[in-house]
Amino acid sequence: MADDVRQVMQECEARTWLRKGYSTPERIKELTELIAKKRGQASAEGLVDEMRRQWRRRSEWLT
């Protein structure tokens, strides 16, 4: 159950950053650096991976 909650939270965070306009390579690099400073490189890379998954599925949630 905890893993399910963690996954939903990561999906929501990824969608939030995408809605805020972090969808270009330059903005993604900026976001990666910001997140890496606070949470570490692995966490930043995980977020970017999730953002890519959410971008492919954007027709399901982006309205």
PDB file of N, CA and C in Angstrom:
ATOM      1  N   MET A   1       0.820  -1.200   0.000  1.00  0.00           N
ATOM      2  CA  MET A   1       0.000   0.000   0.000  1.00  0.00           C
ATOM      3  C   MET A   1       0.860   1.259   0.000  1.00  0.00           C
ATOM      4  N   ALA A   2       1.917   1.274   0.807  1.00  0.00           N
ATOM      5  CA  ALA A   2       2.776   2.449   0.864  1.00  0.00           C
ATOM      6  C   ALA A   2       3.404   2.735  -0.498  1.00  0.00           C
ATOM      7  N   ASP A   3       3.744   1.682  -1.239  1.00  0.00           N
ATOM      8  CA  ASP A   3       4.314   1.876  -2.569  1.00  0.00           C
ATOM      9  C   ASP A   3       3.298   2.500  -3.516  1.00  0.00           C
ATOM     10  N   ASP A   4       2.031   2.111  -3.383  1.00  0.00           N
ATOM     11  CA  ASP A   4       0.976   2.692  -4.212  1.00  0.00           C
ATOM     12  C   ASP A   4       0.832   4.183  -3.939  1.00  0.00           C
ATOM     13  N   VAL A   5       0.866   4.545  -2.677  1.00  0.00           N
ATOM     14  CA  VAL A   5       0.744   5.955  -2.288  1.00  0.00           C
ATOM     15  C   VAL A   5       1.940   6.741  -2.811  1.00  0.00           C
ATOM     16  N   ARG A   6       3.115   6.176  -2.670  1.00  0.00           N
ATOM     17  CA  ARG A   6       4.333   6.837  -3.148  1.00  0.00           C
ATOM     18  C   ARG A   6       4.265   7.054  -4.659  1.00  0.00           C
ATOM     19  N   GLN A   7       3.761   6.066  -5.389  1.00  0.00           N
ATOM     20  CA  GLN A   7       3.644   6.178  -6.844  1.00  0.00           C
ATOM     21  C   GLN A   7       2.656   7.279  -7.226  1.00  0.00           C
ATOM     22  N   VAL A   8       1.532   7.332  -6.557  1.00  0.00           N
ATOM     23  CA  VAL A   8       0.535   8.373  -6.844  1.00  0.00           C
ATOM     24  C   VAL A   8       1.121   9.751  -6.561  1.00  0.00           C
ATOM     25  N   MET A   9       1.852   9.874  -5.468  1.00  0.00           N
ATOM     26  CA  MET A   9       2.470  11.163  -5.138  1.00  0.00           C
ATOM     27  C   MET A   9       3.478  11.571  -6.205  1.00  0.00           C
ATOM     28  N   GLN A  10       4.266  10.613  -6.700  1.00  0.00           N
ATOM     29  CA  GLN A  10       5.247  10.926  -7.733  1.00  0.00           C
ATOM     30  C   GLN A  10       4.550  11.323  -9.034  1.00  0.00           C
ATOM     31  N   GLU A  11       3.472  10.642  -9.373  1.00  0.00           N
ATOM     32  CA  GLU A  11       2.711  11.006 -10.570  1.00  0.00           C
ATOM     33  C   GLU A  11       2.159  12.421 -10.452  1.00  0.00           C
ATOM     34  N   CYS A  12       1.615  12.748  -9.297  1.00  0.00           N
ATOM     35  CA  CYS A  12       1.052  14.091  -9.078  1.00  0.00           C
ATOM     36  C   CYS A  12       2.129  15.161  -9.162  1.00  0.00           C
ATOM     37  N   GLU A  13       3.287  14.885  -8.567  1.00  0.00           N
ATOM     38  CA  GLU A  13       4.376  15.860  -8.632  1.00  0.00           C
ATOM     39  C   GLU A  13       4.831  16.053 -10.074  1.00  0.00           C
ATOM     40  N   ALA A  14       4.983  14.968 -10.810  1.00  0.00           N
ATOM     41  CA  ALA A  14       5.413  15.062 -12.207  1.00  0.00           C
ATOM     42  C   ALA A  14       4.415  15.880 -13.022  1.00  0.00           C
ATOM     43  N   ARG A  15       3.139  15.628 -12.825  1.00  0.00           N
ATOM     44  CA  ARG A  15       2.105  16.374 -13.554  1.00  0.00           C
ATOM     45  C   ARG A  15       2.130  17.854 -13.187  1.00  0.00           C
ATOM     46  N   THR A  16       2.371  18.143 -11.927  1.00  0.00           N
ATOM     47  CA  THR A  16       2.431  19.537 -11.480  1.00  0.00           C
ATOM     48  C   THR A  16       3.555  20.279 -12.181  1.00  0.00           C
ATOM     49  N   TRP A  17       4.742  19.679 -12.221  1.00  0.00           N
ATOM     50  CA  TRP A  17       5.870  20.339 -12.885  1.00  0.00           C
ATOM     51  C   TRP A  17       5.590  20.510 -14.378  1.00  0.00           C
ATOM     52  N   LEU A  18       4.963  19.524 -15.000  1.00  0.00           N
ATOM     53  CA  LEU A  18       4.627  19.657 -16.420  1.00  0.00           C
ATOM     54  C   LEU A  18       3.634  20.788 -16.644  1.00  0.00           C
ATOM     55  N   ARG A  19       2.648  20.892 -15.776  1.00  0.00           N
ATOM     56  CA  ARG A  19       1.668  21.988 -15.895  1.00  0.00           C
ATOM     57  C   ARG A  19       2.325  23.352 -15.704  1.00  0.00           C
ATOM     58  N   LYS A  20       3.391  23.399 -14.924  1.00  0.00           N
ATOM     59  CA  LYS A  20       4.102  24.656 -14.687  1.00  0.00           C
ATOM     60  C   LYS A  20       5.049  25.009 -15.829  1.00  0.00           C
ATOM     61  N   GLY A  21       5.071  24.192 -16.867  1.00  0.00           N
ATOM     62  CA  GLY A  21       5.852  24.521 -18.052  1.00  0.00           C
ATOM     63  C   GLY A  21       7.223  23.884 -18.130  1.00  0.00           C
ATOM     64  N   TYR A  22       7.501  22.935 -17.288  1.00  0.00           N
ATOM     65  CA  TYR A  22       8.797  22.261 -17.328  1.00  0.00           C
ATOM     66  C   TYR A  22       8.731  21.120 -18.336  1.00  0.00           C
ATOM     67  N   SER A  23       8.754  21.488 -19.614  1.00  0.00           N
ATOM     68  CA  SER A  23       8.614  20.485 -20.668  1.00  0.00           C
ATOM     69  C   SER A  23       9.649  20.639 -21.781  1.00  0.00           C
ATOM     70  N   THR A  24      10.536  21.602 -21.655  1.00  0.00           N
ATOM     71  CA  THR A  24      11.608  21.762 -22.635  1.00  0.00           C
ATOM     72  C   THR A  24      12.911  21.249 -22.025  1.00  0.00           C
ATOM     73  N   PRO A  25      13.866  20.875 -22.865  1.00  0.00           N
ATOM     74  CA  PRO A  25      15.142  20.378 -22.321  1.00  0.00           C
ATOM     75  C   PRO A  25      15.811  21.360 -21.352  1.00  0.00           C
ATOM     76  N   GLU A  26      15.728  22.642 -21.653  1.00  0.00           N
ATOM     77  CA  GLU A  26      16.349  23.646 -20.787  1.00  0.00           C
ATOM     78  C   GLU A  26      15.676  23.684 -19.419  1.00  0.00           C
ATOM     79  N   ARG A  27      14.351  23.694 -19.432  1.00  0.00           N
ATOM     80  CA  ARG A  27      13.610  23.742 -18.160  1.00  0.00           C
ATOM     81  C   ARG A  27      13.783  22.449 -17.367  1.00  0.00           C
ATOM     82  N   ILE A  28      13.855  21.313 -18.057  1.00  0.00           N
ATOM     83  CA  ILE A  28      14.061  20.031 -17.378  1.00  0.00           C
ATOM     84  C   ILE A  28      15.430  20.017 -16.703  1.00  0.00           C
ATOM     85  N   LYS A  29      16.439  20.541 -17.387  1.00  0.00           N
ATOM     86  CA  LYS A  29      17.785  20.610 -16.801  1.00  0.00           C
ATOM     87  C   LYS A  29      17.764  21.486 -15.551  1.00  0.00           C
ATOM     88  N   GLU A  30      17.098  22.618 -15.635  1.00  0.00           N
ATOM     89  CA  GLU A  30      16.959  23.530 -14.497  1.00  0.00           C
ATOM     90  C   GLU A  30      16.262  22.834 -13.324  1.00  0.00           C
ATOM     91  N   LEU A  31      15.183  22.137 -13.606  1.00  0.00           N
ATOM     92  CA  LEU A  31      14.439  21.428 -12.566  1.00  0.00           C
ATOM     93  C   LEU A  31      15.275  20.303 -11.965  1.00  0.00           C
ATOM     94  N   THR A  32      15.987  19.568 -12.801  1.00  0.00           N
ATOM     95  CA  THR A  32      16.830  18.475 -12.316  1.00  0.00           C
ATOM     96  C   THR A  32      17.865  18.999 -11.332  1.00  0.00           C
ATOM     97  N   GLU A  33      18.484  20.118 -11.657  1.00  0.00           N
ATOM     98  CA  GLU A  33      19.476  20.705 -10.754  1.00  0.00           C
ATOM     99  C   GLU A  33      18.832  21.139  -9.441  1.00  0.00           C
ATOM    100  N   LEU A  34      17.667  21.739  -9.514  1.00  0.00           N
ATOM    101  CA  LEU A  34      16.957  22.187  -8.317  1.00  0.00           C
ATOM    102  C   LEU A  34      16.598  21.008  -7.409  1.00  0.00           C
ATOM    103  N   ILE A  35      16.013  19.976  -7.987  1.00  0.00           N
ATOM    104  CA  ILE A  35      15.603  18.808  -7.205  1.00  0.00           C
ATOM    105  C   ILE A  35      16.823  18.071  -6.667  1.00  0.00           C
ATOM    106  N   ALA A  36      17.879  17.961  -7.463  1.00  0.00           N
ATOM    107  CA  ALA A  36      19.092  17.256  -7.029  1.00  0.00           C
ATOM    108  C   ALA A  36      19.714  17.931  -5.811  1.00  0.00           C
ATOM    109  N   LYS A  37      19.670  19.248  -5.758  1.00  0.00           N
ATOM    110  CA  LYS A  37      20.213  19.969  -4.596  1.00  0.00           C
ATOM    111  C   LYS A  37      19.459  19.614  -3.324  1.00  0.00           C
ATOM    112  N   LYS A  38      18.152  19.443  -3.445  1.00  0.00           N
ATOM    113  CA  LYS A  38      17.318  19.206  -2.265  1.00  0.00           C
ATOM    114  C   LYS A  38      17.192  17.730  -1.905  1.00  0.00           C
ATOM    115  N   ARG A  39      17.110  16.858  -2.923  1.00  0.00           N
ATOM    116  CA  ARG A  39      16.796  15.447  -2.667  1.00  0.00           C
ATOM    117  C   ARG A  39      17.807  14.460  -3.218  1.00  0.00           C
ATOM    118  N   GLY A  40      18.785  14.933  -3.939  1.00  0.00           N
ATOM    119  CA  GLY A  40      19.779  14.036  -4.514  1.00  0.00           C
ATOM    120  C   GLY A  40      19.513  13.753  -5.988  1.00  0.00           C
ATOM    121  N   GLN A  41      20.576  13.328  -6.659  1.00  0.00           N
ATOM    122  CA  GLN A  41      20.507  13.097  -8.101  1.00  0.00           C
ATOM    123  C   GLN A  41      19.552  11.961  -8.464  1.00  0.00           C
ATOM    124  N   ALA A  42      19.562  10.892  -7.685  1.00  0.00           N
ATOM    125  CA  ALA A  42      18.688   9.746  -7.995  1.00  0.00           C
ATOM    126  C   ALA A  42      17.217  10.151  -7.954  1.00  0.00           C
ATOM    127  N   SER A  43      16.854  10.949  -6.977  1.00  0.00           N
ATOM    128  CA  SER A  43      15.471  11.412  -6.866  1.00  0.00           C
ATOM    129  C   SER A  43      15.104  12.309  -8.047  1.00  0.00           C
ATOM    130  N   ALA A  44      16.026  13.172  -8.435  1.00  0.00           N
ATOM    131  CA  ALA A  44      15.781  14.065  -9.567  1.00  0.00           C
ATOM    132  C   ALA A  44      15.591  13.267 -10.854  1.00  0.00           C
ATOM    133  N   GLU A  45      16.433  12.270 -11.055  1.00  0.00           N
ATOM    134  CA  GLU A  45      16.311  11.446 -12.256  1.00  0.00           C
ATOM    135  C   GLU A  45      15.011  10.646 -12.246  1.00  0.00           C
ATOM    136  N   GLY A  46      14.608  10.171 -11.076  1.00  0.00           N
ATOM    137  CA  GLY A  46      13.339   9.451 -10.963  1.00  0.00           C
ATOM    138  C   GLY A  46      12.161  10.339 -11.312  1.00  0.00           C
ATOM    139  N   LEU A  47      12.218  11.591 -10.861  1.00  0.00           N
ATOM    140  CA  LEU A  47      11.149  12.536 -11.175  1.00  0.00           C
ATOM    141  C   LEU A  47      11.088  12.807 -12.675  1.00  0.00           C
ATOM    142  N   VAL A  48      12.233  13.009 -13.296  1.00  0.00           N
ATOM    143  CA  VAL A  48      12.265  13.261 -14.740  1.00  0.00           C
ATOM    144  C   VAL A  48      11.731  12.050 -15.507  1.00  0.00           C
ATOM    145  N   ASP A  49      12.089  10.854 -15.071  1.00  0.00           N
ATOM    146  CA  ASP A  49      11.553   9.645 -15.716  1.00  0.00           C
ATOM    147  C   ASP A  49      10.032   9.605 -15.612  1.00  0.00           C
ATOM    148  N   GLU A  50       9.525   9.937 -14.434  1.00  0.00           N
ATOM    149  CA  GLU A  50       8.065   9.946 -14.255  1.00  0.00           C
ATOM    150  C   GLU A  50       7.427  11.042 -15.095  1.00  0.00           C
ATOM    151  N   MET A  51       8.079  12.183 -15.213  1.00  0.00           N
ATOM    152  CA  MET A  51       7.556  13.256 -16.056  1.00  0.00           C
ATOM    153  C   MET A  51       7.453  12.786 -17.505  1.00  0.00           C
ATOM    154  N   ARG A  52       8.438  12.029 -17.953  1.00  0.00           N
ATOM    155  CA  ARG A  52       8.388  11.499 -19.323  1.00  0.00           C
ATOM    156  C   ARG A  52       7.216  10.536 -19.492  1.00  0.00           C
ATOM    157  N   ARG A  53       6.992   9.679 -18.496  1.00  0.00           N
ATOM    158  CA  ARG A  53       5.850   8.758 -18.563  1.00  0.00           C
ATOM    159  C   ARG A  53       4.534   9.537 -18.590  1.00  0.00           C
ATOM    160  N   GLN A  54       4.441  10.549 -17.750  1.00  0.00           N
ATOM    161  CA  GLN A  54       3.212  11.338 -17.695  1.00  0.00           C
ATOM    162  C   GLN A  54       3.010  12.146 -18.969  1.00  0.00           C
ATOM    163  N   TRP A  55       4.082  12.601 -19.581  1.00  0.00           N
ATOM    164  CA  TRP A  55       3.961  13.355 -20.827  1.00  0.00           C
ATOM    165  C   TRP A  55       3.362  12.470 -21.919  1.00  0.00           C
ATOM    166  N   ARG A  56       3.784  11.207 -21.965  1.00  0.00           N
ATOM    167  CA  ARG A  56       3.228  10.281 -22.957  1.00  0.00           C
ATOM    168  C   ARG A  56       1.748  10.013 -22.693  1.00  0.00           C
ATOM    169  N   ARG A  57       1.321  10.123 -21.442  1.00  0.00           N
ATOM    170  CA  ARG A  57      -0.075   9.846 -21.064  1.00  0.00           C
ATOM    171  C   ARG A  57      -0.889  11.129 -20.878  1.00  0.00           C
ATOM    172  N   ARG A  58      -0.389  12.255 -21.310  1.00  0.00           N
ATOM    173  CA  ARG A  58      -1.017  13.540 -20.989  1.00  0.00           C
ATOM    174  C   ARG A  58      -2.454  13.660 -21.474  1.00  0.00           C
ATOM    175  N   SER A  59      -2.815  12.944 -22.526  1.00  0.00           N
ATOM    176  CA  SER A  59      -4.201  13.030 -23.006  1.00  0.00           C
ATOM    177  C   SER A  59      -5.189  12.468 -21.983  1.00  0.00           C
ATOM    178  N   GLU A  60      -4.702  11.642 -21.062  1.00  0.00           N
ATOM    179  CA  GLU A  60      -5.563  11.067 -20.026  1.00  0.00           C
ATOM    180  C   GLU A  60      -5.847  12.042 -18.887  1.00  0.00           C
ATOM    181  N   TRP A  61      -4.919  12.955 -18.611  1.00  0.00           N
ATOM    182  CA  TRP A  61      -5.067  13.790 -17.422  1.00  0.00           C
ATOM    183  C   TRP A  61      -5.009  15.289 -17.692  1.00  0.00           C
ATOM    184  N   LEU A  62      -4.431  15.707 -18.793  1.00  0.00           N
ATOM    185  CA  LEU A  62      -4.275  17.135 -19.060  1.00  0.00           C
ATOM    186  C   LEU A  62      -5.527  17.667 -19.738  1.00  0.00           C
ATOM    187  N   THR A  63      -6.221  18.545 -19.035  1.00  0.00           N
ATOM    188  CA  THR A  63      -7.449  19.118 -19.600  1.00  0.00           C
ATOM    189  C   THR A  63      -7.416  20.620 -19.527  1.00  0.00           C
TER     190      THR A  63
END
